[in-house]
Amino acid sequence: MVWKYDTGLFAYTSGCLVVIEDLHSGTQKHLMGHTEEISTLAVQHDGLILASASGPSDTVASQICLWNLQDGVCKKVLSYHDHEIVCLRMPVTTDSLCQLVITGSVLW
């Protein structure tokens, strides 16, 4: 779950689905793109990009989807890890895309 009190952005997951709520307007969007259950979310400090991560399956490595929250479109899918991604963090600076914690660490 992520919440940005200043913009009213509230995001949470339900299985393979990301639910985006605008608490100011009361509207809701559903972001679909994962094939496995989503384990964690992170939002960029400006609230424009959301990262969601799901675990691996027998045929697909763990996935990180990068969503443009203005149009609800997945702009990029990062797929590399054989293990569950347990934590994502979007940095305040632009020196890295996102940081994640898994059993074997990789930093993008």
PDB file of N, CA and C in Angstrom:
ATOM      1  N   MET A   1       0.845  -1.166   0.000  1.00  0.00           N
ATOM      2  CA  MET A   1       0.000   0.000   0.000  1.00  0.00           C
ATOM      3  C   MET A   1       0.897   1.239   0.000  1.00  0.00           C
ATOM      4  N   VAL A   2       0.520   2.239  -0.790  1.00  0.00           N
ATOM      5  CA  VAL A   2       1.204   3.532  -0.765  1.00  0.00           C
ATOM      6  C   VAL A   2       0.154   4.640  -0.676  1.00  0.00           C
ATOM      7  N   TRP A   3       0.544   5.739  -0.041  1.00  0.00           N
ATOM      8  CA  TRP A   3      -0.367   6.866   0.138  1.00  0.00           C
ATOM      9  C   TRP A   3       0.439   8.145   0.050  1.00  0.00           C
ATOM     10  N   LYS A   4      -0.014   9.085  -0.770  1.00  0.00           N
ATOM     11  CA  LYS A   4       0.571  10.420  -0.848  1.00  0.00           C
ATOM     12  C   LYS A   4      -0.509  11.398  -0.410  1.00  0.00           C
ATOM     13  N   TYR A   5      -0.412  11.828   0.825  1.00  0.00           N
ATOM     14  CA  TYR A   5      -1.454  12.673   1.410  1.00  0.00           C
ATOM     15  C   TYR A   5      -1.636  13.984   0.665  1.00  0.00           C
ATOM     16  N   ASP A   6      -0.547  14.527   0.097  1.00  0.00           N
ATOM     17  CA  ASP A   6      -0.641  15.831  -0.568  1.00  0.00           C
ATOM     18  C   ASP A   6      -1.406  15.773  -1.886  1.00  0.00           C
ATOM     19  N   THR A   7      -1.375  14.616  -2.568  1.00  0.00           N
ATOM     20  CA  THR A   7      -2.074  14.492  -3.853  1.00  0.00           C
ATOM     21  C   THR A   7      -3.370  13.694  -3.743  1.00  0.00           C
ATOM     22  N   GLY A   8      -3.561  12.997  -2.629  1.00  0.00           N
ATOM     23  CA  GLY A   8      -4.739  12.154  -2.485  1.00  0.00           C
ATOM     24  C   GLY A   8      -4.580  10.774  -3.101  1.00  0.00           C
ATOM     25  N   LEU A   9      -3.374  10.454  -3.592  1.00  0.00           N
ATOM     26  CA  LEU A   9      -3.112   9.151  -4.195  1.00  0.00           C
ATOM     27  C   LEU A   9      -3.082   8.075  -3.115  1.00  0.00           C
ATOM     28  N   PHE A  10      -3.874   7.040  -3.313  1.00  0.00           N
ATOM     29  CA  PHE A  10      -3.885   5.877  -2.434  1.00  0.00           C
ATOM     30  C   PHE A  10      -3.881   4.654  -3.329  1.00  0.00           C
ATOM     31  N   ALA A  11      -2.860   3.798  -3.206  1.00  0.00           N
ATOM     32  CA  ALA A  11      -2.752   2.612  -4.059  1.00  0.00           C
ATOM     33  C   ALA A  11      -2.573   1.375  -3.197  1.00  0.00           C
ATOM     34  N   TYR A  12      -3.226   0.303  -3.614  1.00  0.00           N
ATOM     35  CA  TYR A  12      -3.094  -0.973  -2.927  1.00  0.00           C
ATOM     36  C   TYR A  12      -3.276  -2.089  -3.945  1.00  0.00           C
ATOM     37  N   THR A  13      -3.023  -3.314  -3.533  1.00  0.00           N
ATOM     38  CA  THR A  13      -3.110  -4.433  -4.460  1.00  0.00           C
ATOM     39  C   THR A  13      -4.209  -5.400  -4.041  1.00  0.00           C
ATOM     40  N   SER A  14      -4.670  -6.138  -5.031  1.00  0.00           N
ATOM     41  CA  SER A  14      -5.593  -7.246  -4.810  1.00  0.00           C
ATOM     42  C   SER A  14      -5.193  -8.336  -5.798  1.00  0.00           C
ATOM     43  N   GLY A  15      -4.398  -9.280  -5.330  1.00  0.00           N
ATOM     44  CA  GLY A  15      -3.896 -10.325  -6.219  1.00  0.00           C
ATOM     45  C   GLY A  15      -2.943  -9.757  -7.251  1.00  0.00           C
ATOM     46  N   CYS A  16      -3.306  -9.870  -8.529  1.00  0.00           N
ATOM     47  CA  CYS A  16      -2.476  -9.382  -9.641  1.00  0.00           C
ATOM     48  C   CYS A  16      -2.864  -7.972 -10.076  1.00  0.00           C
ATOM     49  N   LEU A  17      -3.725  -7.326  -9.346  1.00  0.00           N
ATOM     50  CA  LEU A  17      -4.304  -6.042  -9.723  1.00  0.00           C
ATOM     51  C   LEU A  17      -3.809  -4.931  -8.803  1.00  0.00           C
ATOM     52  N   VAL A  18      -3.478  -3.767  -9.397  1.00  0.00           N
ATOM     53  CA  VAL A  18      -3.170  -2.567  -8.615  1.00  0.00           C
ATOM     54  C   VAL A  18      -4.413  -1.682  -8.643  1.00  0.00           C
ATOM     55  N   VAL A  19      -4.866  -1.264  -7.480  1.00  0.00           N
ATOM     56  CA  VAL A  19      -6.014  -0.372  -7.376  1.00  0.00           C
ATOM     57  C   VAL A  19      -5.490   1.017  -7.011  1.00  0.00           C
ATOM     58  N   ILE A  20      -5.834   2.012  -7.835  1.00  0.00           N
ATOM     59  CA  ILE A  20      -5.432   3.394  -7.612  1.00  0.00           C
ATOM     60  C   ILE A  20      -6.678   4.190  -7.252  1.00  0.00           C
ATOM     61  N   GLU A  21      -6.656   4.812  -6.088  1.00  0.00           N
ATOM     62  CA  GLU A  21      -7.780   5.664  -5.689  1.00  0.00           C
ATOM     63  C   GLU A  21      -7.299   7.098  -5.546  1.00  0.00           C
ATOM     64  N   ASP A  22      -8.113   8.020  -6.026  1.00  0.00           N
ATOM     65  CA  ASP A  22      -7.883   9.443  -5.796  1.00  0.00           C
ATOM     66  C   ASP A  22      -8.822   9.835  -4.660  1.00  0.00           C
ATOM     67  N   LEU A  23      -8.255  10.022  -3.491  1.00  0.00           N
ATOM     68  CA  LEU A  23      -9.082  10.301  -2.313  1.00  0.00           C
ATOM     69  C   LEU A  23      -9.728  11.678  -2.368  1.00  0.00           C
ATOM     70  N   HIS A  24      -9.203  12.578  -3.200  1.00  0.00           N
ATOM     71  CA  HIS A  24      -9.809  13.905  -3.337  1.00  0.00           C
ATOM     72  C   HIS A  24     -11.066  13.858  -4.201  1.00  0.00           C
ATOM     73  N   SER A  25     -11.019  13.094  -5.301  1.00  0.00           N
ATOM     74  CA  SER A  25     -12.169  13.047  -6.209  1.00  0.00           C
ATOM     75  C   SER A  25     -13.062  11.826  -5.998  1.00  0.00           C
ATOM     76  N   GLY A  26     -12.539  10.801  -5.318  1.00  0.00           N
ATOM     77  CA  GLY A  26     -13.313   9.580  -5.115  1.00  0.00           C
ATOM     78  C   GLY A  26     -13.281   8.621  -6.295  1.00  0.00           C
ATOM     79  N   THR A  27     -12.414   8.885  -7.276  1.00  0.00           N
ATOM     80  CA  THR A  27     -12.332   8.008  -8.453  1.00  0.00           C
ATOM     81  C   THR A  27     -11.369   6.859  -8.195  1.00  0.00           C
ATOM     82  N   GLN A  28     -11.517   5.811  -8.995  1.00  0.00           N
ATOM     83  CA  GLN A  28     -10.704   4.614  -8.844  1.00  0.00           C
ATOM     84  C   GLN A  28     -10.318   4.087 -10.219  1.00  0.00           C
ATOM     85  N   LYS A  29      -9.057   3.623 -10.349  1.00  0.00           N
ATOM     86  CA  LYS A  29      -8.561   2.977 -11.569  1.00  0.00           C
ATOM     87  C   LYS A  29      -7.971   1.628 -11.187  1.00  0.00           C
ATOM     88  N   HIS A  30      -8.010   0.681 -12.132  1.00  0.00           N
ATOM     89  CA  HIS A  30      -7.396  -0.626 -11.937  1.00  0.00           C
ATOM     90  C   HIS A  30      -6.292  -0.796 -12.968  1.00  0.00           C
ATOM     91  N   LEU A  31      -5.104  -1.158 -12.496  1.00  0.00           N
ATOM     92  CA  LEU A  31      -3.959  -1.376 -13.376  1.00  0.00           C
ATOM     93  C   LEU A  31      -3.699  -2.872 -13.468  1.00  0.00           C
ATOM     94  N   MET A  32      -3.769  -3.410 -14.682  1.00  0.00           N
ATOM     95  CA  MET A  32      -3.596  -4.836 -14.907  1.00  0.00           C
ATOM     96  C   MET A  32      -2.384  -5.073 -15.792  1.00  0.00           C
ATOM     97  N   GLY A  33      -1.534  -6.022 -15.400  1.00  0.00           N
ATOM     98  CA  GLY A  33      -0.352  -6.332 -16.181  1.00  0.00           C
ATOM     99  C   GLY A  33       0.488  -7.444 -15.571  1.00  0.00           C
ATOM    100  N   HIS A  34       0.268  -7.715 -14.293  1.00  0.00           N
ATOM    101  CA  HIS A  34       1.021  -8.786 -13.632  1.00  0.00           C
ATOM    102  C   HIS A  34       0.340 -10.131 -13.858  1.00  0.00           C
ATOM    103  N   THR A  35       1.161 -11.183 -13.906  1.00  0.00           N
ATOM    104  CA  THR A  35       0.629 -12.534 -14.047  1.00  0.00           C
ATOM    105  C   THR A  35       0.652 -13.295 -12.725  1.00  0.00           C
ATOM    106  N   GLU A  36       1.386 -12.765 -11.750  1.00  0.00           N
ATOM    107  CA  GLU A  36       1.460 -13.366 -10.419  1.00  0.00           C
ATOM    108  C   GLU A  36       1.044 -12.323  -9.377  1.00  0.00           C
ATOM    109  N   GLU A  37       0.790 -12.762  -8.157  1.00  0.00           N
ATOM    110  CA  GLU A  37       0.357 -11.860  -7.096  1.00  0.00           C
ATOM    111  C   GLU A  37       1.410 -10.783  -6.817  1.00  0.00           C
ATOM    112  N   ILE A  38       0.943  -9.555  -6.665  1.00  0.00           N
ATOM    113  CA  ILE A  38       1.825  -8.418  -6.414  1.00  0.00           C
ATOM    114  C   ILE A  38       2.247  -8.433  -4.947  1.00  0.00           C
ATOM    115  N   SER A  39       3.562  -8.245  -4.725  1.00  0.00           N
ATOM    116  CA  SER A  39       4.100  -8.323  -3.366  1.00  0.00           C
ATOM    117  C   SER A  39       4.389  -6.954  -2.754  1.00  0.00           C
ATOM    118  N   THR A  40       4.653  -5.932  -3.572  1.00  0.00           N
ATOM    119  CA  THR A  40       5.013  -4.633  -3.018  1.00  0.00           C
ATOM    120  C   THR A  40       4.793  -3.522  -4.038  1.00  0.00           C
ATOM    121  N   LEU A  41       4.634  -2.308  -3.525  1.00  0.00           N
ATOM    122  CA  LEU A  41       4.443  -1.103  -4.347  1.00  0.00           C
ATOM    123  C   LEU A  41       5.385  -0.002  -3.866  1.00  0.00           C
ATOM    124  N   ALA A  42       5.691   0.913  -4.776  1.00  0.00           N
ATOM    125  CA  ALA A  42       6.438   2.124  -4.418  1.00  0.00           C
ATOM    126  C   ALA A  42       6.002   3.217  -5.380  1.00  0.00           C
ATOM    127  N   VAL A  43       5.966   4.454  -4.886  1.00  0.00           N
ATOM    128  CA  VAL A  43       5.570   5.576  -5.735  1.00  0.00           C
ATOM    129  C   VAL A  43       6.701   6.599  -5.760  1.00  0.00           C
ATOM    130  N   GLN A  44       6.903   7.197  -6.936  1.00  0.00           N
ATOM    131  CA  GLN A  44       7.908   8.233  -7.089  1.00  0.00           C
ATOM    132  C   GLN A  44       7.522   9.450  -6.261  1.00  0.00           C
ATOM    133  N   HIS A  45       8.506  10.219  -5.811  1.00  0.00           N
ATOM    134  CA  HIS A  45       8.232  11.338  -4.896  1.00  0.00           C
ATOM    135  C   HIS A  45       7.269  12.369  -5.483  1.00  0.00           C
ATOM    136  N   ASP A  46       7.233  12.512  -6.824  1.00  0.00           N
ATOM    137  CA  ASP A  46       6.305  13.462  -7.443  1.00  0.00           C
ATOM    138  C   ASP A  46       4.932  12.852  -7.719  1.00  0.00           C
ATOM    139  N   GLY A  47       4.769  11.556  -7.439  1.00  0.00           N
ATOM    140  CA  GLY A  47       3.480  10.888  -7.601  1.00  0.00           C
ATOM    141  C   GLY A  47       3.095  10.568  -9.032  1.00  0.00           C
ATOM    142  N   LEU A  48       4.039  10.635  -9.968  1.00  0.00           N
ATOM    143  CA  LEU A  48       3.716  10.384 -11.373  1.00  0.00           C
ATOM    144  C   LEU A  48       3.972   8.952 -11.816  1.00  0.00           C
ATOM    145  N   ILE A  49       4.896   8.261 -11.152  1.00  0.00           N
ATOM    146  CA  ILE A  49       5.258   6.893 -11.518  1.00  0.00           C
ATOM    147  C   ILE A  49       5.058   5.988 -10.311  1.00  0.00           C
ATOM    148  N   LEU A  50       4.443   4.827 -10.559  1.00  0.00           N
ATOM    149  CA  LEU A  50       4.266   3.810  -9.535  1.00  0.00           C
ATOM    150  C   LEU A  50       4.992   2.556  -9.992  1.00  0.00           C
ATOM    151  N   ALA A  51       5.713   1.920  -9.092  1.00  0.00           N
ATOM    152  CA  ALA A  51       6.352   0.633  -9.370  1.00  0.00           C
ATOM    153  C   ALA A  51       5.616  -0.441  -8.590  1.00  0.00           C
ATOM    154  N   SER A  52       5.321  -1.551  -9.260  1.00  0.00           N
ATOM    155  CA  SER A  52       4.687  -2.698  -8.613  1.00  0.00           C
ATOM    156  C   SER A  52       5.522  -3.932  -8.926  1.00  0.00           C
ATOM    157  N   ALA A  53       5.664  -4.819  -7.946  1.00  0.00           N
ATOM    158  CA  ALA A  53       6.485  -6.019  -8.129  1.00  0.00           C
ATOM    159  C   ALA A  53       5.673  -7.261  -7.815  1.00  0.00           C
ATOM    160  N   SER A  54       5.894  -8.277  -8.634  1.00  0.00           N
ATOM    161  CA  SER A  54       5.241  -9.569  -8.408  1.00  0.00           C
ATOM    162  C   SER A  54       6.292 -10.663  -8.440  1.00  0.00           C
ATOM    163  N   GLY A  55       5.961 -11.774  -7.809  1.00  0.00           N
ATOM    164  CA  GLY A  55       6.900 -12.880  -7.695  1.00  0.00           C
ATOM    165  C   GLY A  55       7.010 -13.706  -8.959  1.00  0.00           C
ATOM    166  N   PRO A  56       7.958 -14.635  -8.966  1.00  0.00           N
ATOM    167  CA  PRO A  56       8.172 -15.481 -10.136  1.00  0.00           C
ATOM    168  C   PRO A  56       7.143 -16.605 -10.222  1.00  0.00           C
ATOM    169  N   SER A  57       7.032 -17.155 -11.414  1.00  0.00           N
ATOM    170  CA  SER A  57       6.235 -18.360 -11.623  1.00  0.00           C
ATOM    171  C   SER A  57       7.154 -19.402 -12.254  1.00  0.00           C
ATOM    172  N   ASP A  58       6.592 -20.506 -12.687  1.00  0.00           N
ATOM    173  CA  ASP A  58       7.404 -21.542 -13.328  1.00  0.00           C
ATOM    174  C   ASP A  58       7.973 -21.078 -14.663  1.00  0.00           C
ATOM    175  N   THR A  59       7.301 -20.137 -15.308  1.00  0.00           N
ATOM    176  CA  THR A  59       7.716 -19.716 -16.653  1.00  0.00           C
ATOM    177  C   THR A  59       8.207 -18.273 -16.740  1.00  0.00           C
ATOM    178  N   VAL A  60       7.950 -17.448 -15.711  1.00  0.00           N
ATOM    179  CA  VAL A  60       8.288 -16.030 -15.759  1.00  0.00           C
ATOM    180  C   VAL A  60       9.066 -15.650 -14.506  1.00  0.00           C
ATOM    181  N   ALA A  61      10.131 -14.848 -14.692  1.00  0.00           N
ATOM    182  CA  ALA A  61      10.873 -14.318 -13.544  1.00  0.00           C
ATOM    183  C   ALA A  61      10.011 -13.269 -12.838  1.00  0.00           C
ATOM    184  N   SER A  62      10.451 -12.856 -11.655  1.00  0.00           N
ATOM    185  CA  SER A  62       9.753 -11.764 -10.958  1.00  0.00           C
ATOM    186  C   SER A  62       9.685 -10.544 -11.865  1.00  0.00           C
ATOM    187  N   GLN A  63       8.603  -9.780 -11.738  1.00  0.00           N
ATOM    188  CA  GLN A  63       8.403  -8.611 -12.595  1.00  0.00           C
ATOM    189  C   GLN A  63       8.257  -7.349 -11.768  1.00  0.00           C
ATOM    190  N   ILE A  64       8.823  -6.275 -12.298  1.00  0.00           N
ATOM    191  CA  ILE A  64       8.564  -4.937 -11.780  1.00  0.00           C
ATOM    192  C   ILE A  64       7.926  -4.162 -12.926  1.00  0.00           C
ATOM    193  N   CYS A  65       6.720  -3.684 -12.709  1.00  0.00           N
ATOM    194  CA  CYS A  65       6.034  -2.857 -13.699  1.00  0.00           C
ATOM    195  C   CYS A  65       6.140  -1.393 -13.279  1.00  0.00           C
ATOM    196  N   LEU A  66       6.491  -0.537 -14.218  1.00  0.00           N
ATOM    197  CA  LEU A  66       6.559   0.898 -13.973  1.00  0.00           C
ATOM    198  C   LEU A  66       5.379   1.549 -14.673  1.00  0.00           C
ATOM    199  N   TRP A  67       4.479   2.129 -13.893  1.00  0.00           N
ATOM    200  CA  TRP A  67       3.213   2.664 -14.375  1.00  0.00           C
ATOM    201  C   TRP A  67       3.240   4.182 -14.426  1.00  0.00           C
ATOM    202  N   ASN A  68       2.758   4.742 -15.519  1.00  0.00           N
ATOM    203  CA  ASN A  68       2.495   6.175 -15.610  1.00  0.00           C
ATOM    204  C   ASN A  68       1.112   6.374 -14.995  1.00  0.00           C
ATOM    205  N   LEU A  69       1.044   7.064 -13.875  1.00  0.00           N
ATOM    206  CA  LEU A  69      -0.231   7.190 -13.171  1.00  0.00           C
ATOM    207  C   LEU A  69      -1.190   8.170 -13.827  1.00  0.00           C
ATOM    208  N   GLN A  70      -0.698   9.018 -14.712  1.00  0.00           N
ATOM    209  CA  GLN A  70      -1.606   9.942 -15.396  1.00  0.00           C
ATOM    210  C   GLN A  70      -2.508   9.215 -16.381  1.00  0.00           C
ATOM    211  N   ASP A  71      -1.948   8.224 -17.106  1.00  0.00           N
ATOM    212  CA  ASP A  71      -2.778   7.508 -18.082  1.00  0.00           C
ATOM    213  C   ASP A  71      -3.015   6.036 -17.720  1.00  0.00           C
ATOM    214  N   GLY A  72      -2.382   5.546 -16.636  1.00  0.00           N
ATOM    215  CA  GLY A  72      -2.596   4.172 -16.196  1.00  0.00           C
ATOM    216  C   GLY A  72      -1.937   3.122 -17.065  1.00  0.00           C
ATOM    217  N   VAL A  73      -0.931   3.512 -17.845  1.00  0.00           N
ATOM    218  CA  VAL A  73      -0.267   2.594 -18.766  1.00  0.00           C
ATOM    219  C   VAL A  73       1.060   2.126 -18.175  1.00  0.00           C
ATOM    220  N   CYS A  74       1.325   0.831 -18.310  1.00  0.00           N
ATOM    221  CA  CYS A  74       2.616   0.283 -17.902  1.00  0.00           C
ATOM    222  C   CYS A  74       3.640   0.669 -18.964  1.00  0.00           C
ATOM    223  N   LYS A  75       4.615   1.473 -18.576  1.00  0.00           N
ATOM    224  CA  LYS A  75       5.611   1.986 -19.522  1.00  0.00           C
ATOM    225  C   LYS A  75       6.803   1.056 -19.680  1.00  0.00           C
ATOM    226  N   LYS A  76       7.074   0.232 -18.667  1.00  0.00           N
ATOM    227  CA  LYS A  76       8.237  -0.654 -18.734  1.00  0.00           C
ATOM    228  C   LYS A  76       8.037  -1.815 -17.772  1.00  0.00           C
ATOM    229  N   VAL A  77       8.460  -3.006 -18.193  1.00  0.00           N
ATOM    230  CA  VAL A  77       8.460  -4.185 -17.328  1.00  0.00           C
ATOM    231  C   VAL A  77       9.906  -4.646 -17.184  1.00  0.00           C
ATOM    232  N   LEU A  78      10.375  -4.706 -15.941  1.00  0.00           N
ATOM    233  CA  LEU A  78      11.708  -5.216 -15.643  1.00  0.00           C
ATOM    234  C   LEU A  78      11.551  -6.635 -15.127  1.00  0.00           C
ATOM    235  N   SER A  79      12.221  -7.578 -15.759  1.00  0.00           N
ATOM    236  CA  SER A  79      12.075  -8.977 -15.390  1.00  0.00           C
ATOM    237  C   SER A  79      13.460  -9.612 -15.378  1.00  0.00           C
ATOM    238  N   TYR A  80      13.904  -9.992 -14.193  1.00  0.00           N
ATOM    239  CA  TYR A  80      15.252 -10.544 -14.069  1.00  0.00           C
ATOM    240  C   TYR A  80      15.365 -11.553 -12.933  1.00  0.00           C
ATOM    241  N   HIS A  81      14.706 -11.298 -11.844  1.00  0.00           N
ATOM    242  CA  HIS A  81      14.938 -12.028 -10.599  1.00  0.00           C
ATOM    243  C   HIS A  81      14.208 -13.362 -10.548  1.00  0.00           C
ATOM    244  N   ASP A  82      14.878 -14.357 -10.005  1.00  0.00           N
ATOM    245  CA  ASP A  82      14.280 -15.678  -9.814  1.00  0.00           C
ATOM    246  C   ASP A  82      13.587 -15.798  -8.465  1.00  0.00           C
ATOM    247  N   HIS A  83      13.755 -14.789  -7.606  1.00  0.00           N
ATOM    248  CA  HIS A  83      13.193 -14.822  -6.263  1.00  0.00           C
ATOM    249  C   HIS A  83      12.115 -13.748  -6.104  1.00  0.00           C
ATOM    250  N   GLU A  84      11.349 -13.874  -5.054  1.00  0.00           N
ATOM    251  CA  GLU A  84      10.311 -12.893  -4.726  1.00  0.00           C
ATOM    252  C   GLU A  84      10.944 -11.541  -4.404  1.00  0.00           C
ATOM    253  N   ILE A  85      10.356 -10.482  -4.882  1.00  0.00           N
ATOM    254  CA  ILE A  85      10.780  -9.128  -4.533  1.00  0.00           C
ATOM    255  C   ILE A  85       9.960  -8.714  -3.319  1.00  0.00           C
ATOM    256  N   VAL A  86      10.642  -8.357  -2.240  1.00  0.00           N
ATOM    257  CA  VAL A  86       9.938  -8.091  -0.990  1.00  0.00           C
ATOM    258  C   VAL A  86       9.818  -6.608  -0.665  1.00  0.00           C
ATOM    259  N   CYS A  87      10.591  -5.755  -1.328  1.00  0.00           N
ATOM    260  CA  CYS A  87      10.540  -4.338  -1.011  1.00  0.00           C
ATOM    261  C   CYS A  87      11.028  -3.524  -2.203  1.00  0.00           C
ATOM    262  N   LEU A  88      10.340  -2.439  -2.497  1.00  0.00           N
ATOM    263  CA  LEU A  88      10.750  -1.473  -3.517  1.00  0.00           C
ATOM    264  C   LEU A  88      10.803  -0.102  -2.874  1.00  0.00           C
ATOM    265  N   ARG A  89      11.710   0.744  -3.367  1.00  0.00           N
ATOM    266  CA  ARG A  89      11.749   2.131  -2.912  1.00  0.00           C
ATOM    267  C   ARG A  89      12.157   2.988  -4.080  1.00  0.00           C
ATOM    268  N   MET A  90      11.403   4.031  -4.336  1.00  0.00           N
ATOM    269  CA  MET A  90      11.749   4.985  -5.390  1.00  0.00           C
ATOM    270  C   MET A  90      12.586   6.083  -4.745  1.00  0.00           C
ATOM    271  N   PRO A  91      13.803   6.303  -5.242  1.00  0.00           N
ATOM    272  CA  PRO A  91      14.670   7.316  -4.630  1.00  0.00           C
ATOM    273  C   PRO A  91      14.188   8.734  -4.925  1.00  0.00           C
ATOM    274  N   VAL A  92      14.559   9.656  -4.048  1.00  0.00           N
ATOM    275  CA  VAL A  92      14.218  11.067  -4.246  1.00  0.00           C
ATOM    276  C   VAL A  92      15.074  11.662  -5.345  1.00  0.00           C
ATOM    277  N   THR A  93      16.321  11.226  -5.453  1.00  0.00           N
ATOM    278  CA  THR A  93      17.208  11.702  -6.513  1.00  0.00           C
ATOM    279  C   THR A  93      17.018  10.837  -7.750  1.00  0.00           C
ATOM    280  N   THR A  94      17.605  11.236  -8.845  1.00  0.00           N
ATOM    281  CA  THR A  94      17.432  10.501 -10.099  1.00  0.00           C
ATOM    282  C   THR A  94      18.660   9.676 -10.458  1.00  0.00           C
ATOM    283  N   ASP A  95      19.502   9.329  -9.483  1.00  0.00           N
ATOM    284  CA  ASP A  95      20.696   8.560  -9.799  1.00  0.00           C
ATOM    285  C   ASP A  95      20.428   7.067  -9.973  1.00  0.00           C
ATOM    286  N   SER A  96      19.251   6.597  -9.605  1.00  0.00           N
ATOM    287  CA  SER A  96      18.859   5.214  -9.860  1.00  0.00           C
ATOM    288  C   SER A  96      17.356   5.175 -10.094  1.00  0.00           C
ATOM    289  N   LEU A  97      16.934   4.156 -10.824  1.00  0.00           N
ATOM    290  CA  LEU A  97      15.515   4.023 -11.168  1.00  0.00           C
ATOM    291  C   LEU A  97      14.686   3.630  -9.959  1.00  0.00           C
ATOM    292  N   CYS A  98      15.065   2.553  -9.324  1.00  0.00           N
ATOM    293  CA  CYS A  98      14.396   2.122  -8.111  1.00  0.00           C
ATOM    294  C   CYS A  98      15.338   1.208  -7.358  1.00  0.00           C
ATOM    295  N   GLN A  99      15.071   1.014  -6.112  1.00  0.00           N
ATOM    296  CA  GLN A  99      15.884   0.136  -5.287  1.00  0.00           C
ATOM    297  C   GLN A  99      15.001  -0.983  -4.786  1.00  0.00           C
ATOM    298  N   LEU A 100      15.553  -2.179  -4.716  1.00  0.00           N
ATOM    299  CA  LEU A 100      14.735  -3.299  -4.289  1.00  0.00           C
ATOM    300  C   LEU A 100      15.517  -4.223  -3.383  1.00  0.00           C
ATOM    301  N   VAL A 101      14.775  -4.988  -2.597  1.00  0.00           N
ATOM    302  CA  VAL A 101      15.378  -5.958  -1.697  1.00  0.00           C
ATOM    303  C   VAL A 101      14.843  -7.332  -2.058  1.00  0.00           C
ATOM    304  N   ILE A 102      15.757  -8.235  -2.365  1.00  0.00           N
ATOM    305  CA  ILE A 102      15.402  -9.625  -2.667  1.00  0.00           C
ATOM    306  C   ILE A 102      16.431 -10.515  -1.992  1.00  0.00           C
ATOM    307  N   THR A 103      16.324 -11.805  -2.201  1.00  0.00           N
ATOM    308  CA  THR A 103      17.277 -12.721  -1.598  1.00  0.00           C
ATOM    309  C   THR A 103      18.699 -12.462  -2.088  1.00  0.00           C
ATOM    310  N   GLY A 104      18.877 -12.227  -3.390  1.00  0.00           N
ATOM    311  CA  GLY A 104      20.153 -11.803  -3.972  1.00  0.00           C
ATOM    312  C   GLY A 104      19.961 -10.399  -4.490  1.00  0.00           C
ATOM    313  N   SER A 105      20.698  -9.429  -4.009  1.00  0.00           N
ATOM    314  CA  SER A 105      20.410  -8.024  -4.299  1.00  0.00           C
ATOM    315  C   SER A 105      20.882  -7.567  -5.678  1.00  0.00           C
ATOM    316  N   VAL A 106      20.042  -6.802  -6.331  1.00  0.00           N
ATOM    317  CA  VAL A 106      20.357  -6.126  -7.590  1.00  0.00           C
ATOM    318  C   VAL A 106      19.813  -4.735  -7.472  1.00  0.00           C
ATOM    319  N   LEU A 107      20.556  -3.744  -7.945  1.00  0.00           N
ATOM    320  CA  LEU A 107      20.115  -2.344  -7.893  1.00  0.00           C
ATOM    321  C   LEU A 107      20.034  -1.817  -9.304  1.00  0.00           C
ATOM    322  N   TRP A 108      18.862  -1.253  -9.657  1.00  0.00           N
ATOM    323  CA  TRP A 108      18.721  -0.618 -10.970  1.00  0.00           C
ATOM    324  C   TRP A 108      18.856   0.857 -10.811  1.00  0.00           C
TER     325      TRP A 108
END
